[in-house]
Amino acid sequence: MSRNLDLLLTAIAPTIWGTTYLVTTELLPPGIPLTVSVLRALPAGLLLLVAVRRLPHGIWWPRVFVLGALNFSIFWAMLFVSAYRLPGGVAATVGAVQPLIVILLARLLLGTAVRPLAVLAAIVGMAGVALLILTPQAALDPIGILAGLVGAVSMACGNVLTRRWQPPVSPLTFTAWQLTAGGILLLPLALWLEPMPAELTGANVLGLAYLGLIGAALTYTLWFRGIERLGPPTVSPLGFLSPLTAVILGWAALGQTLSPAQLIGMVAVLGSIWYGQRVQRQPAKAVAPATG
């Protein structure tokens, strides 16, 4: 029962992340993805630091900045570039390759055995996501797709290293450290490359507050907690819920239609998640991880 509760709590994170694409296009100022990333990460991280009142020490300073770069700075910058240049479903789909990357990295860095059936489930999930979004109306902007791929690789690396580097603190504290580090790393780049918005509308502030407090502070605390308790190969397929949510929101909020192929894609995505979790429950022989 505890494992099922852990899965349920972790699944909340990608479900909420699926709303990012709608919020980005409908509430945020256009054309400043790096600035939006900073405004999402840094205020939320600082608020959490005030709440937890604990800073990294020793080796955790460089590790936190590496994780902050992978999980937030690079990933979010690429996410917003992708979200601005692609329809929400297309932007979400590019990240569907992430579970396969996690399986490989977990084998190399954590000694987790590669389960062929888990690979198959991930491929089925990717196919389901493709059915969800690759409609005749889908615009495939090359820069947006490349940004999405870079973001997926970055987050996959960050997730695996988050499990490998586990400090003796709570997931909330670990999230506070990484959010703050990610925002600090993005700040000079945003100031250099993008103009700060002259003013923020009420809708802009609402969107940023939602993405920072709900879409970052809450969700990443749940996500990192899930990685710690369940492991990256188990948690990563839950990310398929993000494009599923994005497509459902496009249908419910933007009046987009759902084709029979998209409905089949939904079934494939949910089936791959369910089967992937069953596979991960089965015992497997582990191999020795890389040292360092």
C-alpha atoms as a PDB file:
ATOM      1  CA  MET A   1       0.000   0.000   0.000  1.00  0.00           C
ATOM      2  CA  SER A   2       2.874   2.372   0.805  1.00  0.00           C
ATOM      3  CA  ARG A   3       4.339   1.876  -2.678  1.00  0.00           C
ATOM      4  CA  ASN A   4       0.992   2.648  -4.312  1.00  0.00           C
ATOM      5  CA  LEU A   5       0.702   5.816  -2.264  1.00  0.00           C
ATOM      6  CA  ASP A   6       4.231   6.821  -3.276  1.00  0.00           C
ATOM      7  CA  LEU A   7       3.321   6.264  -6.930  1.00  0.00           C
ATOM      8  CA  LEU A   8       0.127   8.283  -6.591  1.00  0.00           C
ATOM      9  CA  LEU A   9       1.865  11.214  -4.928  1.00  0.00           C
ATOM     10  CA  THR A  10       4.678  11.175  -7.484  1.00  0.00           C
ATOM     11  CA  ALA A  11       2.178  11.051 -10.365  1.00  0.00           C
ATOM     12  CA  ILE A  12       0.708  14.363  -9.208  1.00  0.00           C
ATOM     13  CA  ALA A  13       3.891  16.107 -10.384  1.00  0.00           C
ATOM     14  CA  PRO A  14       3.809  15.246 -14.127  1.00  0.00           C
ATOM     15  CA  THR A  15       0.047  15.728 -14.177  1.00  0.00           C
ATOM     16  CA  ILE A  16       0.529  19.307 -13.020  1.00  0.00           C
ATOM     17  CA  TRP A  17       3.479  19.783 -15.377  1.00  0.00           C
ATOM     18  CA  GLY A  18       1.108  19.022 -18.224  1.00  0.00           C
ATOM     19  CA  THR A  19      -0.587  22.353 -17.484  1.00  0.00           C
ATOM     20  CA  THR A  20       2.667  24.244 -18.132  1.00  0.00           C
ATOM     21  CA  TYR A  21       2.053  24.439 -21.857  1.00  0.00           C
ATOM     22  CA  LEU A  22      -1.415  25.960 -21.470  1.00  0.00           C
ATOM     23  CA  VAL A  23      -0.245  28.426 -18.823  1.00  0.00           C
ATOM     24  CA  THR A  24       2.780  29.437 -20.909  1.00  0.00           C
ATOM     25  CA  THR A  25       0.784  30.207 -24.039  1.00  0.00           C
ATOM     26  CA  GLU A  26      -2.239  31.767 -22.315  1.00  0.00           C
ATOM     27  CA  LEU A  27      -0.846  33.680 -19.314  1.00  0.00           C
ATOM     28  CA  LEU A  28       2.873  34.393 -19.702  1.00  0.00           C
ATOM     29  CA  PRO A  29       4.555  37.202 -21.671  1.00  0.00           C
ATOM     30  CA  PRO A  30       5.879  35.888 -24.991  1.00  0.00           C
ATOM     31  CA  GLY A  31       9.452  35.755 -26.240  1.00  0.00           C
ATOM     32  CA  ILE A  32      11.378  35.656 -22.938  1.00  0.00           C
ATOM     33  CA  PRO A  33      11.763  31.950 -22.031  1.00  0.00           C
ATOM     34  CA  LEU A  34      14.942  32.402 -19.959  1.00  0.00           C
ATOM     35  CA  THR A  35      13.439  35.246 -17.939  1.00  0.00           C
ATOM     36  CA  VAL A  36      10.292  33.224 -17.344  1.00  0.00           C
ATOM     37  CA  SER A  37      12.432  30.309 -16.153  1.00  0.00           C
ATOM     38  CA  VAL A  38      14.270  32.561 -13.687  1.00  0.00           C
ATOM     39  CA  LEU A  39      11.024  34.036 -12.383  1.00  0.00           C
ATOM     40  CA  ARG A  40       9.670  30.530 -11.947  1.00  0.00           C
ATOM     41  CA  ALA A  41      12.679  29.011 -10.179  1.00  0.00           C
ATOM     42  CA  LEU A  42      14.431  31.652  -8.096  1.00  0.00           C
ATOM     43  CA  PRO A  43      11.546  33.192  -6.083  1.00  0.00           C
ATOM     44  CA  ALA A  44      10.135  29.736  -5.311  1.00  0.00           C
ATOM     45  CA  GLY A  45      13.568  28.439  -4.287  1.00  0.00           C
ATOM     46  CA  LEU A  46      14.248  31.405  -2.016  1.00  0.00           C
ATOM     47  CA  LEU A  47      10.838  31.051  -0.349  1.00  0.00           C
ATOM     48  CA  LEU A  48      11.547  27.392   0.338  1.00  0.00           C
ATOM     49  CA  LEU A  49      15.000  28.247   1.709  1.00  0.00           C
ATOM     50  CA  VAL A  50      13.398  30.661   4.148  1.00  0.00           C
ATOM     51  CA  ALA A  51      10.999  27.904   5.180  1.00  0.00           C
ATOM     52  CA  VAL A  52      13.587  25.128   5.644  1.00  0.00           C
ATOM     53  CA  ARG A  53      16.398  27.379   6.991  1.00  0.00           C
ATOM     54  CA  ARG A  54      19.167  25.062   5.882  1.00  0.00           C
ATOM     55  CA  LEU A  55      21.958  25.517   3.337  1.00  0.00           C
ATOM     56  CA  PRO A  56      24.177  22.937   1.626  1.00  0.00           C
ATOM     57  CA  HIS A  57      27.629  22.247   3.034  1.00  0.00           C
ATOM     58  CA  GLY A  58      30.868  20.764   1.756  1.00  0.00           C
ATOM     59  CA  ILE A  59      30.579  18.605  -1.360  1.00  0.00           C
ATOM     60  CA  TRP A  60      26.871  19.380  -1.621  1.00  0.00           C
ATOM     61  CA  TRP A  61      27.512  22.925  -2.933  1.00  0.00           C
ATOM     62  CA  PRO A  62      28.918  21.819  -6.322  1.00  0.00           C
ATOM     63  CA  ARG A  63      26.547  18.856  -6.504  1.00  0.00           C
ATOM     64  CA  VAL A  64      23.507  21.056  -5.905  1.00  0.00           C
ATOM     65  CA  PHE A  65      24.571  23.429  -8.673  1.00  0.00           C
ATOM     66  CA  VAL A  66      25.099  20.519 -11.087  1.00  0.00           C
ATOM     67  CA  LEU A  67      21.649  19.172 -10.242  1.00  0.00           C
ATOM     68  CA  GLY A  68      20.123  22.639 -10.374  1.00  0.00           C
ATOM     69  CA  ALA A  69      21.540  23.092 -13.866  1.00  0.00           C
ATOM     70  CA  LEU A  70      20.297  19.712 -15.123  1.00  0.00           C
ATOM     71  CA  ASN A  71      16.880  19.610 -13.463  1.00  0.00           C
ATOM     72  CA  PHE A  72      16.017  23.285 -13.776  1.00  0.00           C
ATOM     73  CA  SER A  73      18.330  25.685 -15.630  1.00  0.00           C
ATOM     74  CA  ILE A  74      18.842  23.692 -18.830  1.00  0.00           C
ATOM     75  CA  PHE A  75      15.593  21.758 -18.665  1.00  0.00           C
ATOM     76  CA  TRP A  76      13.311  24.735 -18.046  1.00  0.00           C
ATOM     77  CA  ALA A  77      15.045  27.010 -20.527  1.00  0.00           C
ATOM     78  CA  MET A  78      14.632  24.356 -23.211  1.00  0.00           C
ATOM     79  CA  LEU A  79      11.083  23.615 -22.064  1.00  0.00           C
ATOM     80  CA  PHE A  80       9.977  27.208 -22.482  1.00  0.00           C
ATOM     81  CA  VAL A  81      11.747  27.564 -25.839  1.00  0.00           C
ATOM     82  CA  SER A  82       9.928  24.416 -26.955  1.00  0.00           C
ATOM     83  CA  ALA A  83       6.597  25.559 -25.502  1.00  0.00           C
ATOM     84  CA  TYR A  84       6.802  28.943 -27.250  1.00  0.00           C
ATOM     85  CA  ARG A  85       7.704  27.434 -30.637  1.00  0.00           C
ATOM     86  CA  LEU A  86       5.495  24.313 -30.661  1.00  0.00           C
ATOM     87  CA  PRO A  87       1.882  23.434 -29.837  1.00  0.00           C
ATOM     88  CA  GLY A  88       1.569  22.117 -26.300  1.00  0.00           C
ATOM     89  CA  GLY A  89       1.141  18.473 -27.259  1.00  0.00           C
ATOM     90  CA  VAL A  90       4.102  18.549 -29.642  1.00  0.00           C
ATOM     91  CA  ALA A  91       6.318  20.186 -27.033  1.00  0.00           C
ATOM     92  CA  ALA A  92       5.341  17.563 -24.475  1.00  0.00           C
ATOM     93  CA  THR A  93       5.917  14.681 -26.865  1.00  0.00           C
ATOM     94  CA  VAL A  94       9.596  15.326 -27.393  1.00  0.00           C
ATOM     95  CA  GLY A  95      10.171  14.533 -23.745  1.00  0.00           C
ATOM     96  CA  ALA A  96       8.699  11.074 -24.231  1.00  0.00           C
ATOM     97  CA  VAL A  97      12.186   9.748 -24.977  1.00  0.00           C
ATOM     98  CA  GLN A  98      13.233  10.493 -21.398  1.00  0.00           C
ATOM     99  CA  PRO A  99      12.296   7.111 -19.816  1.00  0.00           C
ATOM    100  CA  LEU A 100      14.588   5.293 -22.262  1.00  0.00           C
ATOM    101  CA  ILE A 101      17.457   7.644 -21.432  1.00  0.00           C
ATOM    102  CA  VAL A 102      16.828   7.106 -17.720  1.00  0.00           C
ATOM    103  CA  ILE A 103      16.936   3.312 -18.133  1.00  0.00           C
ATOM    104  CA  LEU A 104      20.378   3.591 -19.772  1.00  0.00           C
ATOM    105  CA  LEU A 105      21.776   6.090 -17.263  1.00  0.00           C
ATOM    106  CA  ALA A 106      20.426   4.133 -14.295  1.00  0.00           C
ATOM    107  CA  ARG A 107      22.268   1.073 -15.618  1.00  0.00           C
ATOM    108  CA  LEU A 108      25.518   3.023 -15.951  1.00  0.00           C
ATOM    109  CA  LEU A 109      25.394   5.137 -12.785  1.00  0.00           C
ATOM    110  CA  LEU A 110      23.212   3.220 -10.327  1.00  0.00           C
ATOM    111  CA  GLY A 111      23.807  -0.380 -11.343  1.00  0.00           C
ATOM    112  CA  THR A 112      20.100  -0.879 -12.055  1.00  0.00           C
ATOM    113  CA  ALA A 113      19.491  -3.857 -14.319  1.00  0.00           C
ATOM    114  CA  VAL A 114      17.975  -3.136 -17.722  1.00  0.00           C
ATOM    115  CA  ARG A 115      14.587  -4.842 -17.941  1.00  0.00           C
ATOM    116  CA  PRO A 116      13.662  -5.552 -21.590  1.00  0.00           C
ATOM    117  CA  LEU A 117       9.957  -5.410 -20.789  1.00  0.00           C
ATOM    118  CA  ALA A 118      10.444  -1.988 -19.199  1.00  0.00           C
ATOM    119  CA  VAL A 119      12.122  -0.838 -22.417  1.00  0.00           C
ATOM    120  CA  LEU A 120       9.167  -2.207 -24.370  1.00  0.00           C
ATOM    121  CA  ALA A 121       6.713  -0.393 -22.100  1.00  0.00           C
ATOM    122  CA  ALA A 122       8.629   2.861 -22.617  1.00  0.00           C
ATOM    123  CA  ILE A 123       8.524   2.415 -26.398  1.00  0.00           C
ATOM    124  CA  VAL A 124       4.769   1.755 -26.259  1.00  0.00           C
ATOM    125  CA  GLY A 125       4.388   4.918 -24.187  1.00  0.00           C
ATOM    126  CA  MET A 126       6.354   6.917 -26.756  1.00  0.00           C
ATOM    127  CA  ALA A 127       4.145   5.536 -29.530  1.00  0.00           C
ATOM    128  CA  GLY A 128       1.071   6.464 -27.515  1.00  0.00           C
ATOM    129  CA  VAL A 129       2.313  10.006 -27.074  1.00  0.00           C
ATOM    130  CA  ALA A 130       2.995  10.223 -30.814  1.00  0.00           C
ATOM    131  CA  LEU A 131      -0.597   9.165 -31.527  1.00  0.00           C
ATOM    132  CA  LEU A 132      -1.766  11.801 -29.068  1.00  0.00           C
ATOM    133  CA  ILE A 133      -0.113  14.742 -30.757  1.00  0.00           C
ATOM    134  CA  LEU A 134       1.133  14.007 -34.257  1.00  0.00           C
ATOM    135  CA  THR A 135      -2.028  15.223 -35.960  1.00  0.00           C
ATOM    136  CA  PRO A 136      -2.112  16.881 -39.405  1.00  0.00           C
ATOM    137  CA  GLN A 137      -2.328  20.230 -37.622  1.00  0.00           C
ATOM    138  CA  ALA A 138       0.850  19.666 -35.578  1.00  0.00           C
ATOM    139  CA  ALA A 139       3.607  22.144 -36.476  1.00  0.00           C
ATOM    140  CA  LEU A 140       7.090  20.602 -36.221  1.00  0.00           C
ATOM    141  CA  ASP A 141       9.448  23.522 -35.701  1.00  0.00           C
ATOM    142  CA  PRO A 142      13.068  22.196 -35.808  1.00  0.00           C
ATOM    143  CA  ILE A 143      14.379  24.570 -33.124  1.00  0.00           C
ATOM    144  CA  GLY A 144      11.485  23.723 -30.836  1.00  0.00           C
ATOM    145  CA  ILE A 145      12.037  19.999 -31.306  1.00  0.00           C
ATOM    146  CA  LEU A 146      15.794  20.289 -30.674  1.00  0.00           C
ATOM    147  CA  ALA A 147      15.138  22.320 -27.528  1.00  0.00           C
ATOM    148  CA  GLY A 148      12.719  19.666 -26.300  1.00  0.00           C
ATOM    149  CA  LEU A 149      15.254  16.887 -26.881  1.00  0.00           C
ATOM    150  CA  VAL A 150      18.010  18.758 -25.044  1.00  0.00           C
ATOM    151  CA  GLY A 151      15.625  19.353 -22.162  1.00  0.00           C
ATOM    152  CA  ALA A 152      14.658  15.669 -22.004  1.00  0.00           C
ATOM    153  CA  VAL A 153      18.299  14.545 -21.878  1.00  0.00           C
ATOM    154  CA  SER A 154      19.085  17.158 -19.221  1.00  0.00           C
ATOM    155  CA  MET A 155      16.246  16.108 -16.937  1.00  0.00           C
ATOM    156  CA  ALA A 156      17.023  12.407 -17.408  1.00  0.00           C
ATOM    157  CA  CYS A 157      20.612  13.027 -16.258  1.00  0.00           C
ATOM    158  CA  GLY A 158      19.382  15.156 -13.372  1.00  0.00           C
ATOM    159  CA  ASN A 159      16.887  12.539 -12.202  1.00  0.00           C
ATOM    160  CA  VAL A 160      19.449   9.747 -12.119  1.00  0.00           C
ATOM    161  CA  LEU A 161      22.049  11.882 -10.339  1.00  0.00           C
ATOM    162  CA  THR A 162      19.365  13.005  -7.870  1.00  0.00           C
ATOM    163  CA  ARG A 163      19.049   9.368  -6.815  1.00  0.00           C
ATOM    164  CA  ARG A 164      22.811   8.806  -6.787  1.00  0.00           C
ATOM    165  CA  TRP A 165      23.496  11.980  -4.763  1.00  0.00           C
ATOM    166  CA  GLN A 166      21.117  11.822  -1.804  1.00  0.00           C
ATOM    167  CA  PRO A 167      21.943  14.345   0.946  1.00  0.00           C
ATOM    168  CA  PRO A 168      20.745  13.667   4.517  1.00  0.00           C
ATOM    169  CA  VAL A 169      17.919  16.225   4.231  1.00  0.00           C
ATOM    170  CA  SER A 170      14.212  16.186   3.419  1.00  0.00           C
ATOM    171  CA  PRO A 171      12.933  16.291  -0.183  1.00  0.00           C
ATOM    172  CA  LEU A 172      11.620  19.811   0.528  1.00  0.00           C
ATOM    173  CA  THR A 173      15.099  21.019   1.497  1.00  0.00           C
ATOM    174  CA  PHE A 174      16.691  19.261  -1.483  1.00  0.00           C
ATOM    175  CA  THR A 175      14.132  20.938  -3.763  1.00  0.00           C
ATOM    176  CA  ALA A 176      14.849  24.348  -2.215  1.00  0.00           C
ATOM    177  CA  TRP A 177      18.573  23.953  -2.873  1.00  0.00           C
ATOM    178  CA  GLN A 178      18.133  22.866  -6.474  1.00  0.00           C
ATOM    179  CA  LEU A 179      15.501  25.475  -7.363  1.00  0.00           C
ATOM    180  CA  THR A 180      17.653  28.276  -5.975  1.00  0.00           C
ATOM    181  CA  ALA A 181      20.791  27.010  -7.710  1.00  0.00           C
ATOM    182  CA  GLY A 182      18.940  26.618 -11.002  1.00  0.00           C
ATOM    183  CA  GLY A 183      17.553  30.151 -10.792  1.00  0.00           C
ATOM    184  CA  ILE A 184      20.947  31.641  -9.930  1.00  0.00           C
ATOM    185  CA  LEU A 185      22.578  29.918 -12.901  1.00  0.00           C
ATOM    186  CA  LEU A 186      19.890  31.192 -15.282  1.00  0.00           C
ATOM    187  CA  LEU A 187      19.822  34.777 -14.022  1.00  0.00           C
ATOM    188  CA  PRO A 188      22.953  36.194 -15.745  1.00  0.00           C
ATOM    189  CA  LEU A 189      22.069  34.463 -19.018  1.00  0.00           C
ATOM    190  CA  ALA A 190      18.546  35.886 -18.935  1.00  0.00           C
ATOM    191  CA  LEU A 191      19.821  39.403 -18.149  1.00  0.00           C
ATOM    192  CA  TRP A 192      22.330  39.157 -20.992  1.00  0.00           C
ATOM    193  CA  LEU A 193      20.112  37.713 -23.711  1.00  0.00           C
ATOM    194  CA  GLU A 194      16.630  38.980 -22.936  1.00  0.00           C
ATOM    195  CA  PRO A 195      15.048  42.286 -21.961  1.00  0.00           C
ATOM    196  CA  MET A 196      13.152  42.285 -18.706  1.00  0.00           C
ATOM    197  CA  PRO A 197       9.443  42.906 -19.295  1.00  0.00           C
ATOM    198  CA  ALA A 198       8.529  46.548 -18.771  1.00  0.00           C
ATOM    199  CA  GLU A 199       5.549  45.469 -16.695  1.00  0.00           C
ATOM    200  CA  LEU A 200       3.745  42.324 -15.722  1.00  0.00           C
ATOM    201  CA  THR A 201      -0.006  42.063 -16.067  1.00  0.00           C
ATOM    202  CA  GLY A 202      -2.201  40.398 -13.490  1.00  0.00           C
ATOM    203  CA  ALA A 203      -2.421  37.355 -15.741  1.00  0.00           C
ATOM    204  CA  ASN A 204       1.399  37.225 -15.994  1.00  0.00           C
ATOM    205  CA  VAL A 205       1.779  37.345 -12.204  1.00  0.00           C
ATOM    206  CA  LEU A 206      -0.886  34.681 -11.755  1.00  0.00           C
ATOM    207  CA  GLY A 207       0.814  32.410 -14.282  1.00  0.00           C
ATOM    208  CA  LEU A 208       4.250  32.854 -12.725  1.00  0.00           C
ATOM    209  CA  ALA A 209       2.921  32.300  -9.209  1.00  0.00           C
ATOM    210  CA  TYR A 210       1.220  29.091 -10.322  1.00  0.00           C
ATOM    211  CA  LEU A 211       4.305  27.783 -12.135  1.00  0.00           C
ATOM    212  CA  GLY A 212       6.611  28.699  -9.256  1.00  0.00           C
ATOM    213  CA  LEU A 213       4.634  27.591  -6.213  1.00  0.00           C
ATOM    214  CA  ILE A 214       2.547  24.740  -7.627  1.00  0.00           C
ATOM    215  CA  GLY A 215       4.417  23.777 -10.804  1.00  0.00           C
ATOM    216  CA  ALA A 216       7.857  23.894  -9.168  1.00  0.00           C
ATOM    217  CA  ALA A 217       7.994  23.965  -5.356  1.00  0.00           C
ATOM    218  CA  LEU A 218       5.199  21.429  -4.803  1.00  0.00           C
ATOM    219  CA  THR A 219       5.697  19.185  -7.800  1.00  0.00           C
ATOM    220  CA  TYR A 220       9.465  18.809  -7.577  1.00  0.00           C
ATOM    221  CA  THR A 221       9.271  18.044  -3.882  1.00  0.00           C
ATOM    222  CA  LEU A 222       6.900  15.190  -4.740  1.00  0.00           C
ATOM    223  CA  TRP A 223       9.046  14.141  -7.723  1.00  0.00           C
ATOM    224  CA  PHE A 224      12.343  14.044  -5.799  1.00  0.00           C
ATOM    225  CA  ARG A 225      10.593  12.189  -2.981  1.00  0.00           C
ATOM    226  CA  GLY A 226       9.439   9.615  -5.519  1.00  0.00           C
ATOM    227  CA  ILE A 227      12.937   9.253  -6.995  1.00  0.00           C
ATOM    228  CA  GLU A 228      14.355   8.664  -3.521  1.00  0.00           C
ATOM    229  CA  ARG A 229      11.770   6.031  -2.575  1.00  0.00           C
ATOM    230  CA  LEU A 230      11.057   4.314  -5.899  1.00  0.00           C
ATOM    231  CA  GLY A 231      14.092   4.957  -8.126  1.00  0.00           C
ATOM    232  CA  PRO A 232      14.382   6.782 -11.475  1.00  0.00           C
ATOM    233  CA  PRO A 233      13.372   3.835 -13.737  1.00  0.00           C
ATOM    234  CA  THR A 234      10.097   3.499 -11.822  1.00  0.00           C
ATOM    235  CA  VAL A 235       9.364   7.212 -11.611  1.00  0.00           C
ATOM    236  CA  SER A 236      10.376   8.316 -15.099  1.00  0.00           C
ATOM    237  CA  PRO A 237       7.517   6.628 -17.047  1.00  0.00           C
ATOM    238  CA  LEU A 238       5.064   8.647 -14.968  1.00  0.00           C
ATOM    239  CA  GLY A 239       6.261  11.587 -17.057  1.00  0.00           C
ATOM    240  CA  PHE A 240       3.983  10.311 -19.853  1.00  0.00           C
ATOM    241  CA  LEU A 241       1.133  11.812 -17.819  1.00  0.00           C
ATOM    242  CA  SER A 242       2.390  15.281 -18.773  1.00  0.00           C
ATOM    243  CA  PRO A 243       1.592  15.154 -22.515  1.00  0.00           C
ATOM    244  CA  LEU A 244      -1.614  13.277 -21.722  1.00  0.00           C
ATOM    245  CA  THR A 245      -2.685  16.134 -19.462  1.00  0.00           C
ATOM    246  CA  ALA A 246      -1.626  18.711 -22.053  1.00  0.00           C
ATOM    247  CA  VAL A 247      -3.785  17.101 -24.744  1.00  0.00           C
ATOM    248  CA  ILE A 248      -6.789  16.757 -22.435  1.00  0.00           C
ATOM    249  CA  LEU A 249      -6.480  20.418 -21.435  1.00  0.00           C
ATOM    250  CA  GLY A 250      -6.216  21.422 -25.088  1.00  0.00           C
ATOM    251  CA  TRP A 251      -9.500  19.612 -25.692  1.00  0.00           C
ATOM    252  CA  ALA A 252     -11.244  20.926 -22.559  1.00  0.00           C
ATOM    253  CA  ALA A 253      -9.956  24.517 -22.453  1.00  0.00           C
ATOM    254  CA  LEU A 254      -9.032  25.393 -26.035  1.00  0.00           C
ATOM    255  CA  GLY A 255     -11.723  23.525 -27.923  1.00  0.00           C
ATOM    256  CA  GLN A 256      -9.312  21.160 -29.676  1.00  0.00           C
ATOM    257  CA  THR A 257     -10.787  17.933 -31.029  1.00  0.00           C
ATOM    258  CA  LEU A 258      -9.787  14.392 -30.091  1.00  0.00           C
ATOM    259  CA  SER A 259      -9.431  11.937 -32.971  1.00  0.00           C
ATOM    260  CA  PRO A 260      -9.777   8.139 -32.695  1.00  0.00           C
ATOM    261  CA  ALA A 261      -5.978   7.880 -33.012  1.00  0.00           C
ATOM    262  CA  GLN A 262      -5.556  10.203 -30.036  1.00  0.00           C
ATOM    263  CA  LEU A 263      -7.957   8.118 -27.975  1.00  0.00           C
ATOM    264  CA  ILE A 264      -5.909   5.030 -28.849  1.00  0.00           C
ATOM    265  CA  GLY A 265      -2.810   6.994 -27.829  1.00  0.00           C
ATOM    266  CA  MET A 266      -4.341   7.731 -24.433  1.00  0.00           C
ATOM    267  CA  VAL A 267      -4.990   4.030 -23.866  1.00  0.00           C
ATOM    268  CA  ALA A 268      -1.432   3.185 -24.960  1.00  0.00           C
ATOM    269  CA  VAL A 269       0.066   5.783 -22.609  1.00  0.00           C
ATOM    270  CA  LEU A 270      -1.954   4.628 -19.603  1.00  0.00           C
ATOM    271  CA  GLY A 271      -1.283   0.983 -20.458  1.00  0.00           C
ATOM    272  CA  SER A 272       2.466   1.563 -20.751  1.00  0.00           C
ATOM    273  CA  ILE A 273       2.553   3.290 -17.357  1.00  0.00           C
ATOM    274  CA  TRP A 274       0.566   0.494 -15.716  1.00  0.00           C
ATOM    275  CA  TYR A 275       2.642  -2.270 -17.286  1.00  0.00           C
ATOM    276  CA  GLY A 276       5.908  -0.451 -16.657  1.00  0.00           C
ATOM    277  CA  GLN A 277       5.094  -0.299 -12.944  1.00  0.00           C
ATOM    278  CA  ARG A 278       4.311  -4.022 -12.902  1.00  0.00           C
ATOM    279  CA  VAL A 279       7.659  -4.777 -14.533  1.00  0.00           C
ATOM    280  CA  GLN A 280       9.539  -2.638 -12.025  1.00  0.00           C
ATOM    281  CA  ARG A 281       7.996  -4.577  -9.149  1.00  0.00           C
ATOM    282  CA  GLN A 282       9.590  -7.796 -10.358  1.00  0.00           C
ATOM    283  CA  PRO A 283      12.996  -8.670  -8.851  1.00  0.00           C
ATOM    284  CA  ALA A 284      16.004  -8.244 -11.096  1.00  0.00           C
ATOM    285  CA  LYS A 285      19.688  -8.836 -10.665  1.00  0.00           C
ATOM    286  CA  ALA A 286      21.547  -5.570 -10.144  1.00  0.00           C
ATOM    287  CA  VAL A 287      24.982  -4.744 -11.471  1.00  0.00           C
ATOM    288  CA  ALA A 288      27.679  -2.661  -9.850  1.00  0.00           C
ATOM    289  CA  PRO A 289      27.345   1.091 -10.541  1.00  0.00           C
ATOM    290  CA  ALA A 290      30.208   3.256 -11.631  1.00  0.00           C
ATOM    291  CA  THR A 291      32.306   4.634  -8.792  1.00  0.00           C
ATOM    292  CA  GLY A 292      32.765   8.289  -8.078  1.00  0.00           C
END
